Amino acid sequence: MLRGVEPMLRREFADVCAEVGPDAPTLCVGWTTRDLVIHMVLIEGRWDSWFGVMLGNRSRIVRDYYDRLVDRERSREWPALVERIRTGPRFTPLRSQRVRDRMMPREYLIHTEDVRRANGIEAAVSAAAQDVAWTRLPGLAKRFLLTAAPYGLQLRRPDGSTMVLASGTPLATLE
């Protein structure tokens, strides 16, 4: 059912980032669209960057290494970074569409909305993206994303049904 949805979500993310430009705000506090694109390029293209994402706040050595990777990507031109998102990774385990379909849809779904909402662009979540959110986010969020988040997160479908992924205050709603 969800196989192959990742390329669509990838294009949506690349399109909205190209539309607003590299310095546009996002809902990720302190991050611009350039920061989000670099984050996505790294987690797809550099397996070692996952250590920085997962452990960077716990280890200065890991944080410094990750920051060097980010600085290297930051030196690239904006159109080249967006194109790397459009084309996907080349030589990593995430080169496999099957692997990307399992791992990346939640990232593209969430970060596309981070850019849209911060820039006043109406959300346009497709039915395929909603299916990703309702079938993949709950389990993954509980394991990886929200275990230490200082806020709550719930999903709301256009029909009004909701699913709380994490309790907390404030409670953010992804529609």
N, C-alpha and C. Protein backbone atom coordinates (compact mmCIF):
# COMPACT_ATOMS: atom_id res chain seq x y z
N MET A 1 0.82 -1.20 0.00
CA MET A 1 0.00 0.00 0.00
C MET A 1 0.86 1.26 0.00
N LEU A 2 1.94 1.28 0.81
CA LEU A 2 2.74 2.49 0.92
C LEU A 2 4.01 2.44 0.09
N ARG A 3 4.23 1.36 -0.62
CA ARG A 3 5.45 1.21 -1.39
C ARG A 3 5.53 2.32 -2.45
N GLY A 4 6.68 2.94 -2.53
CA GLY A 4 6.90 3.95 -3.55
C GLY A 4 6.38 5.33 -3.21
N VAL A 5 5.89 5.55 -1.99
CA VAL A 5 5.38 6.87 -1.63
C VAL A 5 6.52 7.85 -1.35
N GLU A 6 7.68 7.33 -0.99
CA GLU A 6 8.82 8.19 -0.65
C GLU A 6 9.21 9.15 -1.78
N PRO A 7 9.27 8.73 -3.05
CA PRO A 7 9.63 9.70 -4.11
C PRO A 7 8.66 10.88 -4.20
N MET A 8 7.37 10.63 -4.00
CA MET A 8 6.39 11.71 -4.03
C MET A 8 6.64 12.69 -2.88
N LEU A 9 6.85 12.16 -1.68
CA LEU A 9 7.10 13.02 -0.52
C LEU A 9 8.42 13.76 -0.67
N ARG A 10 9.41 13.13 -1.26
CA ARG A 10 10.70 13.76 -1.53
C ARG A 10 10.52 14.96 -2.47
N ARG A 11 9.76 14.76 -3.54
CA ARG A 11 9.52 15.86 -4.50
C ARG A 11 8.78 17.01 -3.84
N GLU A 12 7.78 16.69 -3.01
CA GLU A 12 7.03 17.74 -2.32
C GLU A 12 7.96 18.56 -1.43
N PHE A 13 8.84 17.90 -0.71
CA PHE A 13 9.79 18.59 0.15
C PHE A 13 10.73 19.48 -0.68
N ALA A 14 11.30 18.92 -1.74
CA ALA A 14 12.20 19.69 -2.59
C ALA A 14 11.48 20.89 -3.20
N ASP A 15 10.26 20.69 -3.66
CA ASP A 15 9.50 21.78 -4.28
C ASP A 15 9.24 22.93 -3.31
N VAL A 16 8.79 22.60 -2.10
CA VAL A 16 8.47 23.67 -1.15
C VAL A 16 9.75 24.37 -0.69
N CYS A 17 10.84 23.65 -0.55
CA CYS A 17 12.10 24.29 -0.16
C CYS A 17 12.61 25.20 -1.27
N ALA A 18 12.53 24.74 -2.51
CA ALA A 18 12.95 25.58 -3.63
C ALA A 18 12.08 26.83 -3.73
N GLU A 19 10.79 26.67 -3.45
CA GLU A 19 9.86 27.79 -3.53
C GLU A 19 10.19 28.89 -2.51
N VAL A 20 10.47 28.51 -1.28
CA VAL A 20 10.68 29.52 -0.23
C VAL A 20 12.13 29.99 -0.14
N GLY A 21 13.06 29.20 -0.64
CA GLY A 21 14.48 29.60 -0.62
C GLY A 21 15.21 29.12 0.61
N PRO A 22 16.54 29.27 0.61
CA PRO A 22 17.39 28.69 1.65
C PRO A 22 17.30 29.35 3.01
N ASP A 23 16.88 30.58 3.07
CA ASP A 23 16.89 31.31 4.34
C ASP A 23 15.52 31.43 4.99
N ALA A 24 14.55 30.74 4.44
CA ALA A 24 13.19 30.80 4.98
C ALA A 24 13.13 30.10 6.33
N PRO A 25 12.24 30.56 7.21
CA PRO A 25 12.10 29.92 8.51
C PRO A 25 11.42 28.56 8.40
N THR A 26 11.56 27.77 9.46
CA THR A 26 10.88 26.49 9.58
C THR A 26 10.30 26.42 10.99
N LEU A 27 9.52 25.41 11.25
CA LEU A 27 9.01 25.20 12.60
C LEU A 27 10.04 24.55 13.51
N CYS A 28 11.18 24.15 12.97
CA CYS A 28 12.28 23.62 13.77
C CYS A 28 13.05 24.83 14.30
N VAL A 29 12.91 25.10 15.56
CA VAL A 29 13.44 26.32 16.17
C VAL A 29 14.92 26.50 15.84
N GLY A 30 15.22 27.66 15.26
CA GLY A 30 16.59 28.00 14.93
C GLY A 30 17.08 27.47 13.59
N TRP A 31 16.25 26.73 12.88
CA TRP A 31 16.65 26.15 11.61
C TRP A 31 15.96 26.85 10.45
N THR A 32 16.72 27.05 9.38
CA THR A 32 16.18 27.55 8.12
C THR A 32 15.92 26.35 7.20
N THR A 33 15.38 26.64 6.03
CA THR A 33 15.18 25.55 5.06
C THR A 33 16.52 24.95 4.66
N ARG A 34 17.57 25.76 4.57
CA ARG A 34 18.89 25.22 4.25
C ARG A 34 19.30 24.18 5.30
N ASP A 35 19.07 24.49 6.57
CA ASP A 35 19.41 23.54 7.64
C ASP A 35 18.64 22.23 7.48
N LEU A 36 17.35 22.31 7.15
CA LEU A 36 16.55 21.09 6.98
C LEU A 36 17.02 20.28 5.78
N VAL A 37 17.32 20.97 4.67
CA VAL A 37 17.79 20.26 3.48
C VAL A 37 19.12 19.57 3.78
N ILE A 38 20.02 20.26 4.46
CA ILE A 38 21.30 19.66 4.82
C ILE A 38 21.08 18.45 5.73
N HIS A 39 20.21 18.58 6.69
CA HIS A 39 19.87 17.46 7.58
C HIS A 39 19.42 16.25 6.75
N MET A 40 18.52 16.47 5.80
CA MET A 40 18.01 15.36 4.99
C MET A 40 19.08 14.77 4.09
N VAL A 41 19.90 15.62 3.48
CA VAL A 41 21.00 15.14 2.64
C VAL A 41 21.93 14.26 3.47
N LEU A 42 22.25 14.71 4.67
CA LEU A 42 23.18 13.94 5.50
C LEU A 42 22.59 12.63 5.98
N ILE A 43 21.36 12.63 6.47
CA ILE A 43 20.85 11.36 7.00
C ILE A 43 20.62 10.34 5.90
N GLU A 44 20.42 10.80 4.67
CA GLU A 44 20.28 9.86 3.57
C GLU A 44 21.62 9.44 2.99
N GLY A 45 22.55 10.36 2.94
CA GLY A 45 23.80 10.10 2.23
C GLY A 45 24.96 9.68 3.09
N ARG A 46 24.88 9.87 4.39
CA ARG A 46 25.99 9.56 5.28
C ARG A 46 25.48 8.76 6.46
N TRP A 47 25.70 7.47 6.45
CA TRP A 47 25.22 6.63 7.56
C TRP A 47 25.78 7.10 8.89
N ASP A 48 27.01 7.65 8.86
CA ASP A 48 27.64 8.09 10.10
C ASP A 48 26.98 9.34 10.68
N SER A 49 26.22 10.06 9.86
CA SER A 49 25.55 11.26 10.38
C SER A 49 24.44 10.90 11.37
N TRP A 50 23.93 9.67 11.30
CA TRP A 50 22.88 9.26 12.23
C TRP A 50 23.39 9.30 13.67
N PHE A 51 24.67 9.06 13.87
CA PHE A 51 25.22 9.16 15.23
C PHE A 51 25.08 10.58 15.75
N GLY A 52 25.34 11.56 14.87
CA GLY A 52 25.20 12.95 15.27
C GLY A 52 23.77 13.32 15.59
N VAL A 53 22.84 12.79 14.82
CA VAL A 53 21.43 13.06 15.05
C VAL A 53 20.98 12.42 16.37
N MET A 54 21.37 11.19 16.60
CA MET A 54 20.88 10.46 17.76
C MET A 54 21.67 10.74 19.04
N LEU A 55 22.96 10.99 18.91
CA LEU A 55 23.81 11.11 20.09
C LEU A 55 24.47 12.48 20.26
N GLY A 56 24.24 13.36 19.32
CA GLY A 56 24.95 14.63 19.31
C GLY A 56 24.78 15.47 20.55
N ASN A 57 23.64 15.37 21.20
CA ASN A 57 23.43 16.15 22.42
C ASN A 57 24.05 15.48 23.64
N ARG A 58 24.53 14.26 23.49
CA ARG A 58 25.11 13.53 24.62
C ARG A 58 26.63 13.44 24.55
N SER A 59 27.19 13.68 23.37
CA SER A 59 28.63 13.52 23.19
C SER A 59 29.20 14.70 22.41
N ARG A 60 30.12 15.41 23.01
CA ARG A 60 30.75 16.55 22.36
C ARG A 60 31.53 16.11 21.12
N ILE A 61 32.20 14.96 21.20
CA ILE A 61 32.99 14.46 20.06
C ILE A 61 32.07 14.16 18.88
N VAL A 62 30.96 13.49 19.15
CA VAL A 62 30.00 13.17 18.09
C VAL A 62 29.39 14.45 17.53
N ARG A 63 29.04 15.40 18.39
CA ARG A 63 28.46 16.67 17.96
C ARG A 63 29.45 17.43 17.05
N ASP A 64 30.71 17.48 17.44
CA ASP A 64 31.72 18.18 16.63
C ASP A 64 31.87 17.53 15.26
N TYR A 65 31.87 16.20 15.23
CA TYR A 65 31.98 15.48 13.96
C TYR A 65 30.78 15.81 13.07
N TYR A 66 29.59 15.74 13.63
CA TYR A 66 28.39 16.04 12.86
C TYR A 66 28.41 17.49 12.37
N ASP A 67 28.84 18.41 13.21
CA ASP A 67 28.91 19.82 12.81
C ASP A 67 29.87 20.02 11.64
N ARG A 68 30.96 19.25 11.59
CA ARG A 68 31.88 19.34 10.44
C ARG A 68 31.19 18.85 9.16
N LEU A 69 30.40 17.79 9.27
CA LEU A 69 29.65 17.31 8.10
C LEU A 69 28.68 18.38 7.62
N VAL A 70 27.99 19.01 8.56
CA VAL A 70 27.03 20.07 8.22
C VAL A 70 27.76 21.24 7.55
N ASP A 71 28.89 21.65 8.10
CA ASP A 71 29.64 22.77 7.52
C ASP A 71 30.07 22.48 6.08
N ARG A 72 30.46 21.24 5.82
CA ARG A 72 30.85 20.85 4.46
C ARG A 72 29.66 21.01 3.50
N GLU A 73 28.48 20.58 3.94
CA GLU A 73 27.29 20.70 3.09
C GLU A 73 26.85 22.16 2.96
N ARG A 74 27.03 22.92 4.01
CA ARG A 74 26.62 24.33 3.99
C ARG A 74 27.37 25.13 2.92
N SER A 75 28.56 24.67 2.55
CA SER A 75 29.34 25.39 1.54
C SER A 75 28.82 25.16 0.11
N ARG A 76 27.91 24.22 -0.06
CA ARG A 76 27.36 23.94 -1.39
C ARG A 76 26.31 24.99 -1.77
N GLU A 77 26.14 25.19 -3.05
CA GLU A 77 25.13 26.12 -3.56
C GLU A 77 23.74 25.54 -3.31
N TRP A 78 22.78 26.43 -3.05
CA TRP A 78 21.40 26.04 -2.76
C TRP A 78 20.79 25.15 -3.84
N PRO A 79 20.86 25.51 -5.12
CA PRO A 79 20.25 24.62 -6.14
C PRO A 79 20.85 23.21 -6.13
N ALA A 80 22.13 23.10 -5.84
CA ALA A 80 22.76 21.78 -5.80
C ALA A 80 22.25 20.97 -4.61
N LEU A 81 22.04 21.62 -3.48
CA LEU A 81 21.49 20.91 -2.31
C LEU A 81 20.08 20.41 -2.58
N VAL A 82 19.24 21.27 -3.15
CA VAL A 82 17.86 20.87 -3.46
C VAL A 82 17.87 19.74 -4.49
N GLU A 83 18.77 19.80 -5.45
CA GLU A 83 18.85 18.73 -6.46
C GLU A 83 19.26 17.41 -5.81
N ARG A 84 20.11 17.46 -4.82
CA ARG A 84 20.49 16.23 -4.11
C ARG A 84 19.28 15.61 -3.42
N ILE A 85 18.38 16.44 -2.92
CA ILE A 85 17.13 15.93 -2.35
C ILE A 85 16.30 15.28 -3.45
N ARG A 86 16.15 15.98 -4.57
CA ARG A 86 15.32 15.46 -5.67
C ARG A 86 15.80 14.10 -6.17
N THR A 87 17.11 13.94 -6.29
CA THR A 87 17.65 12.71 -6.90
C THR A 87 17.88 11.59 -5.90
N GLY A 88 17.98 11.92 -4.62
CA GLY A 88 18.20 10.89 -3.62
C GLY A 88 19.66 10.52 -3.48
N PRO A 89 19.95 9.67 -2.51
CA PRO A 89 21.33 9.30 -2.23
C PRO A 89 21.89 8.37 -3.30
N ARG A 90 23.21 8.39 -3.42
CA ARG A 90 23.85 7.56 -4.44
C ARG A 90 24.40 6.25 -3.89
N PHE A 91 25.32 6.30 -2.98
CA PHE A 91 26.05 5.11 -2.58
C PHE A 91 25.93 4.84 -1.09
N THR A 92 24.73 4.58 -0.63
CA THR A 92 24.50 4.27 0.77
C THR A 92 23.43 3.19 0.84
N PRO A 93 23.22 2.62 2.02
CA PRO A 93 22.12 1.66 2.14
C PRO A 93 20.78 2.28 1.76
N LEU A 94 20.65 3.60 1.93
CA LEU A 94 19.39 4.26 1.58
C LEU A 94 19.24 4.49 0.08
N ARG A 95 20.18 4.01 -0.71
CA ARG A 95 20.03 4.06 -2.16
C ARG A 95 18.87 3.17 -2.59
N SER A 96 18.63 2.12 -1.84
CA SER A 96 17.56 1.18 -2.15
C SER A 96 16.20 1.83 -1.89
N GLN A 97 15.35 1.84 -2.92
CA GLN A 97 14.01 2.41 -2.75
C GLN A 97 13.23 1.67 -1.68
N ARG A 98 13.43 0.39 -1.58
CA ARG A 98 12.72 -0.39 -0.56
C ARG A 98 13.09 0.06 0.85
N VAL A 99 14.38 0.32 1.07
CA VAL A 99 14.84 0.79 2.38
C VAL A 99 14.31 2.21 2.62
N ARG A 100 14.39 3.06 1.61
CA ARG A 100 13.89 4.44 1.77
C ARG A 100 12.40 4.46 2.05
N ASP A 101 11.65 3.59 1.42
CA ASP A 101 10.21 3.53 1.66
C ASP A 101 9.90 3.18 3.11
N ARG A 102 10.80 2.48 3.77
CA ARG A 102 10.59 2.13 5.18
C ARG A 102 11.06 3.23 6.13
N MET A 103 12.11 3.95 5.74
CA MET A 103 12.76 4.85 6.69
C MET A 103 12.47 6.34 6.48
N MET A 104 12.28 6.78 5.25
CA MET A 104 12.30 8.21 4.99
C MET A 104 10.95 8.92 4.90
N PRO A 105 9.84 8.26 4.63
CA PRO A 105 8.58 9.01 4.48
C PRO A 105 8.23 9.90 5.67
N ARG A 106 8.43 9.42 6.89
CA ARG A 106 8.09 10.25 8.05
C ARG A 106 8.92 11.52 8.07
N GLU A 107 10.20 11.42 7.70
CA GLU A 107 11.07 12.59 7.69
C GLU A 107 10.58 13.62 6.67
N TYR A 108 10.28 13.15 5.46
CA TYR A 108 9.82 14.08 4.43
C TYR A 108 8.46 14.66 4.77
N LEU A 109 7.58 13.85 5.29
CA LEU A 109 6.25 14.32 5.66
C LEU A 109 6.34 15.42 6.73
N ILE A 110 7.06 15.16 7.78
CA ILE A 110 7.16 16.11 8.88
C ILE A 110 7.88 17.39 8.44
N HIS A 111 9.01 17.26 7.76
CA HIS A 111 9.79 18.45 7.42
C HIS A 111 9.15 19.28 6.30
N THR A 112 8.39 18.67 5.43
CA THR A 112 7.64 19.45 4.44
C THR A 112 6.65 20.35 5.15
N GLU A 113 5.96 19.79 6.12
CA GLU A 113 5.00 20.60 6.88
C GLU A 113 5.71 21.65 7.74
N ASP A 114 6.90 21.34 8.26
CA ASP A 114 7.68 22.34 9.00
C ASP A 114 7.94 23.57 8.14
N VAL A 115 8.25 23.36 6.89
CA VAL A 115 8.54 24.48 5.97
C VAL A 115 7.24 25.18 5.57
N ARG A 116 6.25 24.41 5.16
CA ARG A 116 4.99 25.02 4.71
C ARG A 116 4.38 25.92 5.79
N ARG A 117 4.21 25.38 6.95
CA ARG A 117 3.50 26.11 8.02
C ARG A 117 4.27 27.34 8.48
N ALA A 118 5.57 27.24 8.55
CA ALA A 118 6.37 28.40 8.98
C ALA A 118 6.34 29.53 7.97
N ASN A 119 5.96 29.22 6.73
CA ASN A 119 5.96 30.22 5.67
C ASN A 119 4.56 30.54 5.15
N GLY A 120 3.55 30.14 5.90
CA GLY A 120 2.18 30.47 5.55
C GLY A 120 1.65 29.77 4.32
N ILE A 121 2.24 28.66 3.95
CA ILE A 121 1.79 27.89 2.79
C ILE A 121 0.80 26.85 3.30
N GLU A 122 -0.37 26.85 2.73
CA GLU A 122 -1.40 25.92 3.17
C GLU A 122 -0.93 24.48 3.02
N ALA A 123 -1.18 23.72 4.04
CA ALA A 123 -0.81 22.31 4.00
C ALA A 123 -1.59 21.61 2.90
N ALA A 124 -0.92 20.73 2.21
CA ALA A 124 -1.56 19.99 1.12
C ALA A 124 -1.18 18.52 1.24
N VAL A 125 -1.54 17.92 2.34
CA VAL A 125 -1.14 16.55 2.61
C VAL A 125 -1.98 15.60 1.75
N SER A 126 -1.30 14.84 0.93
CA SER A 126 -1.98 13.91 0.03
C SER A 126 -2.50 12.71 0.81
N ALA A 127 -3.37 11.95 0.18
CA ALA A 127 -3.90 10.73 0.81
C ALA A 127 -2.76 9.76 1.11
N ALA A 128 -1.79 9.67 0.22
CA ALA A 128 -0.65 8.78 0.45
C ALA A 128 0.16 9.24 1.65
N ALA A 129 0.34 10.53 1.79
CA ALA A 129 1.08 11.07 2.94
C ALA A 129 0.30 10.81 4.24
N GLN A 130 -1.01 10.95 4.18
CA GLN A 130 -1.82 10.65 5.37
C GLN A 130 -1.67 9.18 5.77
N ASP A 131 -1.66 8.30 4.79
CA ASP A 131 -1.47 6.88 5.09
C ASP A 131 -0.13 6.63 5.76
N VAL A 132 0.91 7.33 5.28
CA VAL A 132 2.23 7.22 5.91
C VAL A 132 2.13 7.64 7.37
N ALA A 133 1.51 8.78 7.59
CA ALA A 133 1.41 9.31 8.95
C ALA A 133 0.66 8.34 9.87
N TRP A 134 -0.43 7.81 9.39
CA TRP A 134 -1.28 6.97 10.25
C TRP A 134 -0.76 5.55 10.41
N THR A 135 0.08 5.10 9.51
CA THR A 135 0.56 3.72 9.65
C THR A 135 1.99 3.64 10.15
N ARG A 136 2.81 4.64 9.86
CA ARG A 136 4.22 4.55 10.23
C ARG A 136 4.62 5.43 11.38
N LEU A 137 4.08 6.61 11.47
CA LEU A 137 4.54 7.55 12.50
C LEU A 137 4.32 7.06 13.93
N PRO A 138 3.18 6.50 14.27
CA PRO A 138 2.97 6.17 15.68
C PRO A 138 4.05 5.28 16.28
N GLY A 139 4.35 4.16 15.66
CA GLY A 139 5.36 3.26 16.20
C GLY A 139 6.75 3.87 16.18
N LEU A 140 7.09 4.52 15.07
CA LEU A 140 8.41 5.13 14.97
C LEU A 140 8.57 6.29 15.93
N ALA A 141 7.54 7.09 16.06
CA ALA A 141 7.62 8.24 16.96
C ALA A 141 7.84 7.78 18.39
N LYS A 142 7.14 6.76 18.78
CA LYS A 142 7.29 6.28 20.15
C LYS A 142 8.67 5.71 20.40
N ARG A 143 9.28 5.13 19.38
CA ARG A 143 10.61 4.56 19.55
C ARG A 143 11.73 5.57 19.41
N PHE A 144 11.60 6.51 18.46
CA PHE A 144 12.74 7.35 18.12
C PHE A 144 12.52 8.84 18.34
N LEU A 145 11.42 9.35 17.87
CA LEU A 145 11.27 10.80 17.77
C LEU A 145 10.89 11.49 19.07
N LEU A 146 9.96 10.95 19.79
CA LEU A 146 9.32 11.73 20.83
C LEU A 146 9.59 11.27 22.24
N THR A 147 10.52 10.38 22.42
CA THR A 147 10.73 9.85 23.75
C THR A 147 11.20 10.90 24.74
N ALA A 148 11.90 11.92 24.26
CA ALA A 148 12.39 12.96 25.17
C ALA A 148 11.88 14.34 24.78
N ALA A 149 10.88 14.40 23.93
CA ALA A 149 10.38 15.70 23.48
C ALA A 149 9.67 16.42 24.61
N PRO A 150 9.85 17.74 24.70
CA PRO A 150 9.21 18.52 25.76
C PRO A 150 7.80 18.96 25.39
N TYR A 151 7.17 18.31 24.44
CA TYR A 151 5.84 18.68 23.97
C TYR A 151 5.10 17.42 23.54
N GLY A 152 3.80 17.57 23.32
CA GLY A 152 3.00 16.47 22.83
C GLY A 152 2.80 16.61 21.32
N LEU A 153 2.41 15.53 20.68
CA LEU A 153 2.14 15.56 19.25
C LEU A 153 0.96 14.66 18.95
N GLN A 154 0.02 15.20 18.17
CA GLN A 154 -1.11 14.39 17.72
C GLN A 154 -1.27 14.58 16.22
N LEU A 155 -1.86 13.58 15.59
CA LEU A 155 -2.20 13.64 14.17
C LEU A 155 -3.69 13.88 14.06
N ARG A 156 -4.11 14.69 13.08
CA ARG A 156 -5.53 14.91 12.82
C ARG A 156 -5.76 14.78 11.33
N ARG A 157 -6.66 13.89 10.96
CA ARG A 157 -7.04 13.69 9.57
C ARG A 157 -8.10 14.72 9.17
N PRO A 158 -8.29 14.94 7.88
CA PRO A 158 -9.31 15.88 7.44
C PRO A 158 -10.71 15.54 7.94
N ASP A 159 -10.98 14.26 8.21
CA ASP A 159 -12.29 13.89 8.73
C ASP A 159 -12.44 14.20 10.22
N GLY A 160 -11.37 14.74 10.85
CA GLY A 160 -11.42 15.14 12.25
C GLY A 160 -10.91 14.10 13.23
N SER A 161 -10.70 12.88 12.78
CA SER A 161 -10.18 11.85 13.70
C SER A 161 -8.75 12.19 14.09
N THR A 162 -8.40 11.87 15.34
CA THR A 162 -7.06 12.20 15.84
C THR A 162 -6.40 10.97 16.45
N MET A 163 -5.08 11.05 16.54
CA MET A 163 -4.28 10.02 17.18
C MET A 163 -3.16 10.73 17.94
N VAL A 164 -3.08 10.56 19.24
CA VAL A 164 -2.03 11.18 20.04
C VAL A 164 -0.80 10.28 19.98
N LEU A 165 0.32 10.86 19.50
CA LEU A 165 1.57 10.12 19.43
C LEU A 165 2.38 10.26 20.71
N ALA A 166 2.28 11.44 21.32
CA ALA A 166 3.01 11.69 22.56
C ALA A 166 2.23 12.70 23.39
N SER A 167 2.08 12.41 24.65
CA SER A 167 1.40 13.34 25.54
C SER A 167 2.37 14.42 25.97
N GLY A 168 1.86 15.60 26.20
CA GLY A 168 2.70 16.68 26.68
C GLY A 168 2.05 18.03 26.43
N THR A 169 2.65 19.05 27.02
CA THR A 169 2.15 20.41 26.86
C THR A 169 3.32 21.28 26.44
N PRO A 170 3.16 22.05 25.38
CA PRO A 170 1.98 22.16 24.54
C PRO A 170 1.80 20.94 23.66
N LEU A 171 0.61 20.80 23.12
CA LEU A 171 0.29 19.70 22.22
C LEU A 171 0.24 20.23 20.81
N ALA A 172 1.19 19.80 19.97
CA ALA A 172 1.22 20.21 18.56
C ALA A 172 0.35 19.24 17.77
N THR A 173 -0.33 19.78 16.75
CA THR A 173 -1.20 18.95 15.91
C THR A 173 -0.70 18.99 14.48
N LEU A 174 -0.45 17.82 13.93
CA LEU A 174 -0.07 17.67 12.54
C LEU A 174 -1.33 17.30 11.79
N GLU A 175 -1.80 18.21 10.92
CA GLU A 175 -3.04 17.96 10.18
C GLU A 175 -2.75 17.60 8.75
